[in-house]
N, C-alpha and C. Protein backbone atom coordinates (compact mmCIF):
# COMPACT_ATOMS: atom_id res chain seq x y z
N UNK A 1 0.85 -1.17 0.00
CA UNK A 1 0.00 0.00 0.00
C UNK A 1 0.90 1.23 0.00
N UNK A 2 0.55 2.17 -0.85
CA UNK A 2 1.38 3.36 -0.96
C UNK A 2 1.17 4.26 0.26
N UNK A 3 2.10 5.18 0.43
CA UNK A 3 2.02 6.10 1.57
C UNK A 3 0.77 6.97 1.49
N UNK A 4 0.37 7.32 0.28
CA UNK A 4 -0.83 8.15 0.11
C UNK A 4 -2.07 7.37 0.53
N UNK A 5 -2.16 6.11 0.11
CA UNK A 5 -3.31 5.29 0.50
C UNK A 5 -3.36 5.10 2.02
N UNK A 6 -2.20 4.88 2.64
CA UNK A 6 -2.16 4.72 4.10
C UNK A 6 -2.65 5.99 4.78
N UNK A 7 -2.21 7.13 4.26
CA UNK A 7 -2.62 8.40 4.84
C UNK A 7 -4.12 8.61 4.68
N UNK A 8 -4.65 8.28 3.49
CA UNK A 8 -6.09 8.42 3.26
C UNK A 8 -6.87 7.50 4.19
N UNK A 9 -6.38 6.28 4.40
CA UNK A 9 -7.05 5.36 5.32
C UNK A 9 -7.07 5.93 6.73
N UNK A 10 -5.96 6.50 7.15
CA UNK A 10 -5.90 7.08 8.49
C UNK A 10 -6.85 8.26 8.62
N UNK A 11 -6.89 9.10 7.60
CA UNK A 11 -7.77 10.27 7.64
C UNK A 11 -9.22 9.82 7.66
N UNK A 12 -9.58 8.86 6.81
CA UNK A 12 -10.96 8.38 6.76
C UNK A 12 -11.36 7.70 8.06
N UNK A 13 -10.50 6.82 8.59
CA UNK A 13 -10.86 6.15 9.84
C UNK A 13 -10.86 7.13 10.99
N UNK A 14 -10.02 8.13 10.93
CA UNK A 14 -10.00 9.16 11.96
C UNK A 14 -11.29 9.95 11.98
N UNK A 15 -11.86 10.22 10.80
CA UNK A 15 -13.11 10.98 10.76
C UNK A 15 -14.26 10.14 11.29
N UNK A 16 -14.22 8.81 11.06
CA UNK A 16 -15.25 7.94 11.61
C UNK A 16 -15.14 7.92 13.12
N UNK A 17 -13.93 7.81 13.63
CA UNK A 17 -13.73 7.82 15.08
C UNK A 17 -14.15 9.15 15.66
N UNK A 18 -13.85 10.23 14.95
CA UNK A 18 -14.21 11.56 15.44
C UNK A 18 -15.72 11.71 15.53
N UNK A 19 -16.47 11.19 14.55
CA UNK A 19 -17.92 11.32 14.61
C UNK A 19 -18.49 10.48 15.74
N UNK A 20 -17.93 9.29 15.99
CA UNK A 20 -18.37 8.47 17.11
C UNK A 20 -18.05 9.17 18.43
N UNK A 21 -16.87 9.76 18.51
CA UNK A 21 -16.49 10.49 19.72
C UNK A 21 -17.38 11.70 19.90
N UNK A 22 -17.74 12.36 18.80
CA UNK A 22 -18.60 13.54 18.89
C UNK A 22 -19.98 13.16 19.40
N UNK A 23 -20.52 12.02 18.93
CA UNK A 23 -21.82 11.56 19.43
C UNK A 23 -21.76 11.26 20.91
N UNK A 24 -20.72 10.57 21.34
CA UNK A 24 -20.56 10.23 22.76
C UNK A 24 -20.39 11.50 23.58
N UNK A 25 -19.63 12.44 23.06
CA UNK A 25 -19.38 13.68 23.78
C UNK A 25 -20.66 14.50 23.88
N UNK A 26 -21.47 14.53 22.81
CA UNK A 26 -22.69 15.32 22.86
C UNK A 26 -23.66 14.74 23.88
N UNK A 27 -23.68 13.41 24.03
CA UNK A 27 -24.53 12.80 25.05
C UNK A 27 -24.05 13.17 26.44
N UNK A 28 -22.74 13.20 26.62
CA UNK A 28 -22.21 13.54 27.95
C UNK A 28 -22.33 15.03 28.24
N UNK A 29 -22.50 15.85 27.20
CA UNK A 29 -22.63 17.29 27.41
C UNK A 29 -24.08 17.71 27.60
N UNK A 30 -25.01 16.75 27.52
CA UNK A 30 -26.40 17.07 27.78
C UNK A 30 -26.55 17.55 29.21
N UNK A 31 -27.56 18.35 29.44
CA UNK A 31 -27.86 18.77 30.81
C UNK A 31 -28.26 17.53 31.61
N UNK A 32 -27.94 17.50 32.89
CA UNK A 32 -28.30 16.35 33.72
C UNK A 32 -29.80 16.06 33.71
N UNK A 33 -30.63 17.11 33.66
CA UNK A 33 -32.08 16.91 33.62
C UNK A 33 -32.49 16.17 32.36
N UNK A 34 -31.85 16.49 31.23
CA UNK A 34 -32.15 15.81 29.97
C UNK A 34 -31.66 14.37 30.00
N UNK A 35 -30.50 14.13 30.60
CA UNK A 35 -30.00 12.77 30.74
C UNK A 35 -30.95 11.95 31.61
N UNK A 36 -31.47 12.55 32.67
CA UNK A 36 -32.41 11.86 33.55
C UNK A 36 -33.68 11.52 32.80
N UNK A 37 -34.23 12.47 32.03
CA UNK A 37 -35.44 12.21 31.25
C UNK A 37 -35.23 11.07 30.27
N UNK A 38 -34.08 11.06 29.60
CA UNK A 38 -33.79 10.00 28.63
C UNK A 38 -33.67 8.65 29.33
N UNK A 39 -33.05 8.62 30.49
CA UNK A 39 -32.88 7.38 31.26
C UNK A 39 -34.25 6.84 31.69
N UNK A 40 -35.13 7.72 32.17
CA UNK A 40 -36.46 7.30 32.60
C UNK A 40 -37.30 6.86 31.40
N UNK A 41 -37.15 7.52 30.27
CA UNK A 41 -37.94 7.19 29.08
C UNK A 41 -37.68 5.77 28.59
N UNK A 42 -36.51 5.21 28.90
CA UNK A 42 -36.21 3.84 28.49
C UNK A 42 -37.16 2.84 29.15
N UNK A 43 -37.61 3.10 30.37
CA UNK A 43 -38.52 2.21 31.09
C UNK A 43 -39.22 3.02 32.18
N UNK A 44 -40.23 3.79 31.80
CA UNK A 44 -40.83 4.74 32.74
C UNK A 44 -41.59 4.11 33.91
N UNK A 45 -41.99 2.85 33.80
CA UNK A 45 -42.79 2.24 34.86
C UNK A 45 -41.98 1.42 35.84
N UNK A 46 -40.68 1.43 35.72
CA UNK A 46 -39.83 0.71 36.67
C UNK A 46 -39.72 1.48 37.98
N UNK A 47 -39.15 0.81 38.96
CA UNK A 47 -38.85 1.44 40.25
C UNK A 47 -37.44 2.01 40.16
N UNK A 48 -37.27 3.22 40.63
CA UNK A 48 -35.97 3.89 40.59
C UNK A 48 -35.49 4.18 42.01
N UNK A 49 -34.20 4.09 42.20
CA UNK A 49 -33.60 4.48 43.47
C UNK A 49 -32.43 5.41 43.17
N UNK A 50 -32.20 6.36 44.05
CA UNK A 50 -31.02 7.20 43.88
C UNK A 50 -30.40 7.49 45.23
N UNK A 51 -29.10 7.79 45.18
CA UNK A 51 -28.35 8.03 46.39
C UNK A 51 -27.19 8.97 46.06
N UNK A 52 -26.83 9.76 47.02
CA UNK A 52 -25.68 10.65 46.87
C UNK A 52 -25.24 11.12 48.24
N UNK A 53 -23.97 11.37 48.37
CA UNK A 53 -23.45 11.89 49.64
C UNK A 53 -24.01 13.28 49.88
N UNK A 54 -24.18 13.63 51.13
CA UNK A 54 -24.72 14.95 51.48
C UNK A 54 -23.81 16.04 50.90
N UNK A 55 -24.41 16.92 50.10
CA UNK A 55 -23.68 18.03 49.51
C UNK A 55 -22.82 17.67 48.31
N UNK A 56 -22.80 16.39 47.93
CA UNK A 56 -21.99 15.97 46.77
C UNK A 56 -22.62 16.51 45.49
N UNK A 57 -21.80 16.86 44.49
CA UNK A 57 -22.35 17.42 43.25
C UNK A 57 -22.97 16.38 42.33
N UNK A 58 -22.81 15.10 42.62
CA UNK A 58 -23.37 14.07 41.75
C UNK A 58 -24.16 13.06 42.57
N UNK A 59 -25.09 12.37 41.88
CA UNK A 59 -25.89 11.31 42.49
C UNK A 59 -25.95 10.15 41.51
N UNK A 60 -26.14 8.97 42.05
CA UNK A 60 -26.31 7.78 41.22
C UNK A 60 -27.78 7.39 41.25
N UNK A 61 -28.35 7.16 40.07
CA UNK A 61 -29.73 6.70 39.98
C UNK A 61 -29.73 5.33 39.32
N UNK A 62 -30.52 4.43 39.88
CA UNK A 62 -30.59 3.06 39.37
C UNK A 62 -32.03 2.70 39.05
N UNK A 63 -32.18 1.89 38.02
CA UNK A 63 -33.49 1.40 37.61
C UNK A 63 -33.56 -0.09 37.93
N UNK A 64 -34.59 -0.47 38.66
CA UNK A 64 -34.83 -1.88 38.96
C UNK A 64 -35.84 -2.37 37.93
N UNK A 65 -35.35 -3.02 36.89
CA UNK A 65 -36.22 -3.46 35.81
C UNK A 65 -36.80 -4.83 36.03
N UNK A 66 -37.48 -5.30 35.02
CA UNK A 66 -38.06 -6.64 35.06
C UNK A 66 -36.95 -7.68 35.05
N UNK A 67 -37.27 -8.85 35.55
CA UNK A 67 -36.34 -9.99 35.56
C UNK A 67 -35.03 -9.66 36.26
N UNK A 68 -35.12 -8.94 37.36
CA UNK A 68 -33.96 -8.63 38.20
C UNK A 68 -32.86 -7.84 37.49
N UNK A 69 -33.18 -7.16 36.41
CA UNK A 69 -32.16 -6.34 35.74
C UNK A 69 -32.02 -5.02 36.49
N UNK A 70 -30.80 -4.51 36.50
CA UNK A 70 -30.51 -3.26 37.21
C UNK A 70 -29.55 -2.46 36.36
N UNK A 71 -29.88 -1.19 36.14
CA UNK A 71 -29.02 -0.31 35.36
C UNK A 71 -28.87 0.99 36.14
N UNK A 72 -27.64 1.47 36.26
CA UNK A 72 -27.35 2.68 37.03
C UNK A 72 -26.56 3.67 36.19
N UNK A 73 -26.81 4.94 36.43
CA UNK A 73 -26.01 6.00 35.83
C UNK A 73 -25.71 7.04 36.91
N UNK A 74 -24.63 7.77 36.73
CA UNK A 74 -24.28 8.85 37.65
C UNK A 74 -24.49 10.17 36.93
N UNK A 75 -25.22 11.06 37.58
CA UNK A 75 -25.52 12.37 37.01
C UNK A 75 -24.95 13.46 37.90
N UNK A 76 -24.58 14.55 37.27
CA UNK A 76 -24.07 15.70 38.01
C UNK A 76 -25.26 16.51 38.56
N UNK A 77 -25.93 15.93 39.54
CA UNK A 77 -27.05 16.57 40.22
C UNK A 77 -26.94 16.24 41.70
N UNK A 78 -27.14 17.22 42.55
CA UNK A 78 -27.23 16.93 43.97
C UNK A 78 -28.50 16.13 44.23
N UNK A 79 -28.52 15.39 45.30
CA UNK A 79 -29.67 14.53 45.58
C UNK A 79 -30.96 15.33 45.76
N UNK A 80 -30.87 16.55 46.28
CA UNK A 80 -32.08 17.37 46.42
C UNK A 80 -32.64 17.77 45.05
N UNK A 81 -31.76 18.07 44.10
CA UNK A 81 -32.20 18.39 42.74
C UNK A 81 -32.76 17.15 42.06
N UNK A 82 -32.16 15.99 42.31
CA UNK A 82 -32.65 14.73 41.75
C UNK A 82 -34.06 14.45 42.27
N UNK A 83 -34.28 14.68 43.56
CA UNK A 83 -35.59 14.48 44.17
C UNK A 83 -36.64 15.34 43.46
N UNK A 84 -36.34 16.62 43.28
CA UNK A 84 -37.26 17.54 42.60
C UNK A 84 -37.50 17.13 41.16
N UNK A 85 -36.44 16.73 40.46
CA UNK A 85 -36.56 16.34 39.06
C UNK A 85 -37.41 15.08 38.91
N UNK A 86 -37.27 14.14 39.82
CA UNK A 86 -38.08 12.92 39.77
C UNK A 86 -39.55 13.25 40.03
N UNK A 87 -39.82 14.13 40.97
CA UNK A 87 -41.21 14.53 41.22
C UNK A 87 -41.79 15.23 40.00
N UNK A 88 -41.00 16.05 39.34
CA UNK A 88 -41.46 16.74 38.13
C UNK A 88 -41.77 15.76 37.01
N UNK A 89 -41.13 14.58 37.04
CA UNK A 89 -41.37 13.54 36.03
C UNK A 89 -42.58 12.67 36.39
N UNK A 90 -43.24 12.96 37.50
CA UNK A 90 -44.44 12.21 37.88
C UNK A 90 -44.17 11.03 38.80
N UNK A 91 -43.11 11.12 39.61
CA UNK A 91 -42.77 10.05 40.54
C UNK A 91 -43.03 10.49 41.97
N UNK A 92 -43.39 9.50 42.81
CA UNK A 92 -43.47 9.70 44.25
C UNK A 92 -42.19 9.12 44.83
N UNK A 93 -41.44 9.92 45.56
CA UNK A 93 -40.15 9.50 46.11
C UNK A 93 -40.18 9.59 47.63
N UNK A 94 -39.60 8.56 48.27
CA UNK A 94 -39.55 8.53 49.73
C UNK A 94 -38.41 7.64 50.19
N UNK A 95 -38.07 7.77 51.47
CA UNK A 95 -37.08 6.86 52.06
C UNK A 95 -37.69 5.47 52.15
N UNK A 96 -36.88 4.42 52.06
CA UNK A 96 -37.41 3.07 52.21
C UNK A 96 -37.84 2.81 53.65
N UNK A 97 -38.59 1.74 53.87
CA UNK A 97 -39.09 1.41 55.21
C UNK A 97 -37.98 0.97 56.16
N UNK A 98 -36.89 0.39 55.63
CA UNK A 98 -35.80 -0.07 56.49
C UNK A 98 -35.01 1.13 57.00
N UNK A 99 -34.86 1.26 58.33
CA UNK A 99 -34.17 2.43 58.88
C UNK A 99 -32.70 2.54 58.50
N UNK A 100 -32.04 1.44 58.18
CA UNK A 100 -30.61 1.49 57.85
C UNK A 100 -30.33 1.92 56.42
N UNK A 101 -31.35 2.01 55.60
CA UNK A 101 -31.17 2.39 54.20
C UNK A 101 -31.19 3.90 54.05
N UNK A 102 -30.32 4.42 53.20
CA UNK A 102 -30.25 5.88 53.03
C UNK A 102 -30.61 6.34 51.63
N UNK A 103 -30.88 5.42 50.72
CA UNK A 103 -31.24 5.83 49.37
C UNK A 103 -32.71 6.27 49.33
N UNK A 104 -33.10 6.87 48.23
CA UNK A 104 -34.48 7.30 48.02
C UNK A 104 -35.09 6.39 46.96
N UNK A 105 -36.31 5.91 47.21
CA UNK A 105 -37.04 5.07 46.24
C UNK A 105 -38.10 5.92 45.56
N UNK A 106 -38.22 5.74 44.25
CA UNK A 106 -39.20 6.50 43.47
C UNK A 106 -40.05 5.54 42.63
N UNK A 107 -41.35 5.76 42.68
CA UNK A 107 -42.29 4.99 41.85
C UNK A 107 -43.18 5.98 41.11
N UNK A 108 -43.50 5.62 39.86
CA UNK A 108 -44.36 6.49 39.06
C UNK A 108 -45.75 6.55 39.68
N UNK A 109 -46.31 7.75 39.73
CA UNK A 109 -47.68 7.94 40.21
C UNK A 109 -48.61 7.57 39.07
N UNK A 110 -49.54 6.61 39.30
CA UNK A 110 -50.46 6.22 38.21
C UNK A 110 -51.32 7.39 37.77
N UNK A 111 -51.48 7.53 36.47
CA UNK A 111 -52.32 8.58 35.90
C UNK A 111 -53.75 8.08 35.84
N UNK A 112 -54.69 8.87 36.31
CA UNK A 112 -56.09 8.43 36.30
C UNK A 112 -56.85 9.00 35.13
């Protein structure tokens, strides 16, 4: 393969990698509220839990799906903002019944 062909291959594959990186970067540059909405939209009727250290800038939210599947993401939102955002999405959020647990459980409020 000539040097020109090698260079063209590198440039072409580099542009493909750049577009994939750009898509990944644009998803990570979304506002946390938009990331949360997209995460909930994948399975809006599941049970969600979230937890974060007091005053920490990020929280982890997990979805408890069907068949014991669990998916978690970390968002740059304090837990108080996460609580408000979940309520705005139509969820009822509360502490679990077990006193030793510190996460918040959220369930969708049925629409009548």
